[in-house]
C-alpha atoms as a PDB file:
ATOM      1  CA  MET A   1     -47.194 -43.588  13.324  1.00  0.00           C
ATOM      2  CA  ILE A   2     -45.996 -45.895  16.019  1.00  0.00           C
ATOM      3  CA  LYS A   3     -45.848 -49.673  15.736  1.00  0.00           C
ATOM      4  CA  ALA A   4     -46.849 -51.373  18.966  1.00  0.00           C
ATOM      5  CA  ASN A   5     -46.705 -54.993  20.050  1.00  0.00           C
ATOM      6  CA  LEU A   6     -50.015 -55.431  21.861  1.00  0.00           C
ATOM      7  CA  THR A   7     -49.440 -58.939  23.246  1.00  0.00           C
ATOM      8  CA  GLY A   8     -45.968 -58.466  24.705  1.00  0.00           C
ATOM      9  CA  ARG A   9     -44.551 -61.465  22.821  1.00  0.00           C
ATOM     10  CA  GLY A  10     -41.823 -61.164  20.250  1.00  0.00           C
ATOM     11  CA  ASN A  11     -43.561 -63.135  17.474  1.00  0.00           C
ATOM     12  CA  ALA A  12     -46.999 -61.437  17.776  1.00  0.00           C
ATOM     13  CA  GLN A  13     -48.340 -59.213  15.034  1.00  0.00           C
ATOM     14  CA  GLN A  14     -47.585 -55.556  15.351  1.00  0.00           C
ATOM     15  CA  HIS A  15     -50.402 -53.018  15.083  1.00  0.00           C
ATOM     16  CA  VAL A  16     -50.152 -49.453  13.893  1.00  0.00           C
ATOM     17  CA  VAL A  17     -51.101 -46.924  16.558  1.00  0.00           C
ATOM     18  CA  ARG A  18     -51.854 -43.416  15.358  1.00  0.00           C
ATOM     19  CA  PRO A  19     -51.546 -40.451  17.734  1.00  0.00           C
ATOM     20  CA  CYS A  20     -54.872 -38.841  18.657  1.00  0.00           C
ATOM     21  CA  CYS A  21     -53.726 -35.363  17.685  1.00  0.00           C
ATOM     22  CA  ARG A  22     -51.002 -33.612  15.757  1.00  0.00           C
ATOM     23  CA  LEU A  23     -47.626 -33.125  17.397  1.00  0.00           C
ATOM     24  CA  HIS A  24     -45.807 -29.831  17.311  1.00  0.00           C
ATOM     25  CA  LEU A  25     -42.232 -29.025  18.263  1.00  0.00           C
ATOM     26  CA  ASN A  26     -42.180 -26.114  20.689  1.00  0.00           C
ATOM     27  CA  VAL A  27     -39.302 -23.679  21.158  1.00  0.00           C
ATOM     28  CA  LYS A  28     -37.293 -26.075  23.344  1.00  0.00           C
ATOM     29  CA  GLY A  29     -37.636 -28.941  20.861  1.00  0.00           C
ATOM     30  CA  PHE A  30     -40.159 -30.997  22.845  1.00  0.00           C
ATOM     31  CA  GLN A  31     -43.259 -32.393  21.200  1.00  0.00           C
ATOM     32  CA  THR A  32     -46.563 -30.996  22.494  1.00  0.00           C
ATOM     33  CA  PRO A  33     -50.114 -31.769  21.312  1.00  0.00           C
ATOM     34  CA  TRP A  34     -52.006 -28.925  19.685  1.00  0.00           C
ATOM     35  CA  PHE A  35     -55.088 -28.391  17.612  1.00  0.00           C
ATOM     36  CA  GLN A  36     -55.029 -26.097  14.660  1.00  0.00           C
ATOM     37  CA  THR A  37     -58.013 -23.801  14.313  1.00  0.00           C
ATOM     38  CA  PRO A  38     -58.852 -22.612  10.803  1.00  0.00           C
ATOM     39  CA  ARG A  39     -58.017 -18.993  10.059  1.00  0.00           C
ATOM     40  CA  PHE A  40     -60.065 -17.178   7.447  1.00  0.00           C
ATOM     41  CA  SER A  41     -58.943 -13.981   5.801  1.00  0.00           C
ATOM     42  CA  SER A  42     -62.471 -12.973   4.774  1.00  0.00           C
ATOM     43  CA  ILE A  43     -66.111 -13.838   5.336  1.00  0.00           C
ATOM     44  CA  GLU A  44     -66.343 -15.412   1.877  1.00  0.00           C
ATOM     45  CA  GLY A  45     -63.851 -18.111   2.877  1.00  0.00           C
ATOM     46  CA  MET A  46     -65.788 -19.157   5.981  1.00  0.00           C
ATOM     47  CA  PRO A  47     -67.937 -22.274   5.807  1.00  0.00           C
ATOM     48  CA  ARG A  48     -71.655 -21.534   5.664  1.00  0.00           C
ATOM     49  CA  ALA A  49     -74.135 -22.962   8.129  1.00  0.00           C
ATOM     50  CA  ALA A  50     -76.363 -25.658   6.714  1.00  0.00           C
ATOM     51  CA  PRO A  51     -79.895 -24.415   6.039  1.00  0.00           C
ATOM     52  CA  LEU A  52     -82.619 -25.635   8.372  1.00  0.00           C
ATOM     53  CA  SER A  53     -84.809 -28.449   7.160  1.00  0.00           C
ATOM     54  CA  LEU A  54     -88.403 -27.537   6.357  1.00  0.00           C
ATOM     55  CA  ARG A  55     -89.575 -29.408   9.459  1.00  0.00           C
ATOM     56  CA  LEU A  56     -87.318 -27.286  11.707  1.00  0.00           C
ATOM     57  CA  VAL A  57     -88.328 -24.074   9.922  1.00  0.00           C
ATOM     58  CA  PHE A  58     -91.992 -24.943  10.514  1.00  0.00           C
ATOM     59  CA  ALA A  59     -91.271 -25.821  14.164  1.00  0.00           C
ATOM     60  CA  ARG A  60     -89.474 -22.528  14.797  1.00  0.00           C
ATOM     61  CA  ASN A  61     -92.161 -20.495  13.040  1.00  0.00           C
ATOM     62  CA  ILE A  62     -95.151 -21.963  14.858  1.00  0.00           C
ATOM     63  CA  ARG A  63     -93.395 -21.477  18.195  1.00  0.00           C
ATOM     64  CA  LEU A  64     -92.532 -17.854  17.402  1.00  0.00           C
ATOM     65  CA  MET A  65     -96.012 -17.058  16.079  1.00  0.00           C
ATOM     66  CA  ARG A  66     -97.647 -18.709  19.108  1.00  0.00           C
ATOM     67  CA  ILE A  67     -95.415 -16.859  21.575  1.00  0.00           C
ATOM     68  CA  HIS A  68     -95.952 -13.487  19.887  1.00  0.00           C
ATOM     69  CA  ALA A  69     -99.707 -14.110  19.918  1.00  0.00           C
ATOM     70  CA  GLY A  70     -99.427 -14.657  23.688  1.00  0.00           C
ATOM     71  CA  MET A  71    -100.804 -18.183  23.514  1.00  0.00           C
ATOM     72  CA  SER A  72     -99.747 -21.211  25.510  1.00  0.00           C
ATOM     73  CA  GLN A  73     -99.260 -24.580  23.837  1.00  0.00           C
ATOM     74  CA  GLU A  74    -102.340 -25.809  25.648  1.00  0.00           C
ATOM     75  CA  ARG A  75    -104.548 -22.968  24.390  1.00  0.00           C
ATOM     76  CA  MET A  76    -103.282 -23.240  20.822  1.00  0.00           C
ATOM     77  CA  ALA A  77    -103.826 -27.009  20.858  1.00  0.00           C
ATOM     78  CA  ALA A  78    -107.365 -26.543  22.173  1.00  0.00           C
ATOM     79  CA  GLU A  79    -108.204 -23.978  19.484  1.00  0.00           C
ATOM     80  CA  ALA A  80    -106.763 -26.222  16.784  1.00  0.00           C
ATOM     81  CA  GLY A  81    -108.412 -29.362  18.165  1.00  0.00           C
ATOM     82  CA  LEU A  82    -105.071 -31.140  18.694  1.00  0.00           C
ATOM     83  CA  ASP A  83    -103.326 -32.676  21.667  1.00  0.00           C
ATOM     84  CA  ARG A  84    -100.948 -30.414  23.631  1.00  0.00           C
ATOM     85  CA  ALA A  85     -98.202 -33.068  23.640  1.00  0.00           C
ATOM     86  CA  PHE A  86     -98.478 -33.307  19.843  1.00  0.00           C
ATOM     87  CA  VAL A  87     -98.034 -29.536  19.552  1.00  0.00           C
ATOM     88  CA  GLY A  88     -94.976 -29.749  21.811  1.00  0.00           C
ATOM     89  CA  THR A  89     -93.330 -32.395  19.661  1.00  0.00           C
ATOM     90  CA  LEU A  90     -94.098 -30.333  16.552  1.00  0.00           C
ATOM     91  CA  GLU A  91     -92.440 -27.265  18.061  1.00  0.00           C
ATOM     92  CA  ARG A  92     -89.340 -29.293  18.867  1.00  0.00           C
ATOM     93  CA  GLY A  93     -89.206 -30.601  15.292  1.00  0.00           C
ATOM     94  CA  GLN A  94     -89.544 -34.211  16.395  1.00  0.00           C
ATOM     95  CA  ARG A  95     -92.641 -35.101  14.405  1.00  0.00           C
ATOM     96  CA  ASN A  96     -93.932 -34.818  10.871  1.00  0.00           C
ATOM     97  CA  ILE A  97     -97.260 -33.113  10.299  1.00  0.00           C
ATOM     98  CA  SER A  98    -100.078 -33.564   7.807  1.00  0.00           C
ATOM     99  CA  ILE A  99    -101.466 -30.799   5.614  1.00  0.00           C
ATOM    100  CA  ASP A 100    -104.767 -30.951   7.490  1.00  0.00           C
ATOM    101  CA  ASN A 101    -103.042 -30.273  10.810  1.00  0.00           C
ATOM    102  CA  ILE A 102    -101.000 -27.444   9.266  1.00  0.00           C
ATOM    103  CA  GLU A 103    -104.285 -25.830   8.262  1.00  0.00           C
ATOM    104  CA  LEU A 104    -105.729 -26.258  11.782  1.00  0.00           C
ATOM    105  CA  ILE A 105    -102.637 -24.728  13.393  1.00  0.00           C
ATOM    106  CA  SER A 106    -102.526 -21.819  10.947  1.00  0.00           C
ATOM    107  CA  LYS A 107    -106.158 -20.966  11.746  1.00  0.00           C
ATOM    108  CA  ALA A 108    -105.492 -21.173  15.490  1.00  0.00           C
ATOM    109  CA  ILE A 109    -102.441 -18.889  15.223  1.00  0.00           C
ATOM    110  CA  GLY A 110    -104.050 -16.554  12.694  1.00  0.00           C
ATOM    111  CA  ALA A 111    -101.369 -16.789  10.005  1.00  0.00           C
ATOM    112  CA  PRO A 112    -101.534 -18.187   6.476  1.00  0.00           C
ATOM    113  CA  ALA A 113    -100.239 -21.745   6.228  1.00  0.00           C
ATOM    114  CA  HIS A 114     -97.657 -20.916   3.549  1.00  0.00           C
ATOM    115  CA  GLU A 115     -96.019 -18.309   5.802  1.00  0.00           C
ATOM    116  CA  LEU A 116     -95.390 -20.910   8.502  1.00  0.00           C
ATOM    117  CA  MET A 117     -92.968 -22.636   6.127  1.00  0.00           C
ATOM    118  CA  ASP A 118     -91.085 -19.493   5.128  1.00  0.00           C
ATOM    119  CA  PRO A 119     -87.497 -19.463   6.468  1.00  0.00           C
ATOM    120  CA  ASP A 120     -87.517 -15.634   6.533  1.00  0.00           C
ATOM    121  CA  LEU A 121     -90.734 -15.265   8.559  1.00  0.00           C
ATOM    122  CA  PRO A 122     -89.043 -13.894  11.729  1.00  0.00           C
ATOM    123  CA  GLN A 123     -87.407 -11.078   9.746  1.00  0.00           C
ATOM    124  CA  GLN A 124     -90.536 -10.306   7.712  1.00  0.00           C
ATOM    125  CA  ARG A 125     -92.776 -10.010  10.775  1.00  0.00           C
ATOM    126  CA  ASP A 126     -90.159  -8.587  13.183  1.00  0.00           C
ATOM    127  CA  LEU A 127     -90.467 -11.550  15.550  1.00  0.00           C
ATOM    128  CA  ASP A 128     -88.059 -11.716  18.491  1.00  0.00           C
ATOM    129  CA  VAL A 129     -86.311 -15.071  18.111  1.00  0.00           C
ATOM    130  CA  THR A 130     -84.907 -14.885  21.662  1.00  0.00           C
ATOM    131  CA  LEU A 131     -88.314 -15.397  23.287  1.00  0.00           C
ATOM    132  CA  THR A 132     -88.807 -18.947  24.484  1.00  0.00           C
ATOM    133  CA  ARG A 133     -92.211 -18.857  26.146  1.00  0.00           C
ATOM    134  CA  ALA A 134     -95.419 -16.886  26.154  1.00  0.00           C
ATOM    135  CA  PRO A 135     -95.994 -14.607  29.132  1.00  0.00           C
ATOM    136  CA  ARG A 136     -98.327 -15.963  31.776  1.00  0.00           C
ATOM    137  CA  THR A 137    -101.454 -13.900  32.102  1.00  0.00           C
ATOM    138  CA  ALA A 138    -103.437 -15.826  34.701  1.00  0.00           C
ATOM    139  CA  ARG A 139    -103.097 -18.960  36.752  1.00  0.00           C
ATOM    140  CA  PRO A 140    -105.083 -21.941  35.492  1.00  0.00           C
ATOM    141  CA  TYR A 141    -106.267 -22.620  39.046  1.00  0.00           C
ATOM    142  CA  PRO A 142    -107.450 -20.305  41.862  1.00  0.00           C
ATOM    143  CA  VAL A 143    -104.929 -19.394  44.556  1.00  0.00           C
ATOM    144  CA  LYS A 144    -105.878 -18.475  48.104  1.00  0.00           C
ATOM    145  CA  LYS A 145    -104.321 -15.217  49.212  1.00  0.00           C
ATOM    146  CA  ARG A 146    -102.440 -15.292  52.476  1.00  0.00           C
ATOM    147  CA  SER A 147    -102.824 -12.632  55.070  1.00  0.00           C
ATOM    148  CA  SER A 148     -99.713 -10.653  55.884  1.00  0.00           C
ATOM    149  CA  ARG A 149     -99.989 -11.342  59.644  1.00  0.00           C
ATOM    150  CA  ARG A 150     -99.528 -14.742  61.205  1.00  0.00           C
ATOM    151  CA  ASN A 151    -101.758 -15.686  64.106  1.00  0.00           C
END
């Protein structure tokens, strides 16, 4: 710890200033900052990741089930009778949901409601957790085809 006079006057109070990181003497005797990373001798000694909250488990599961069913958020929301923006906030885990809406979503996806809250659902159903969006099958609006020659 270093005591520093912050006002520059001799009679001012001194404040304790702590270094922002640990100091280490290198081979030549100079102090250099360094950060120590934890070293674990086995997997048992490693800290475990915190389990997901039930809201985040539900959010992940409805997104995975929707994507593997090939549905867009808009189509799933229409089948469930919900707003598409509401479904988006559910899938991001930003909103709580009522039991009635869980039932509507489970019917739209075609999965039992209790499975949507199971943390092991991706492993049980062999769902690819790397998928982030459903494949596009058709455009929602007609597109005029261009001719290959310009006139």
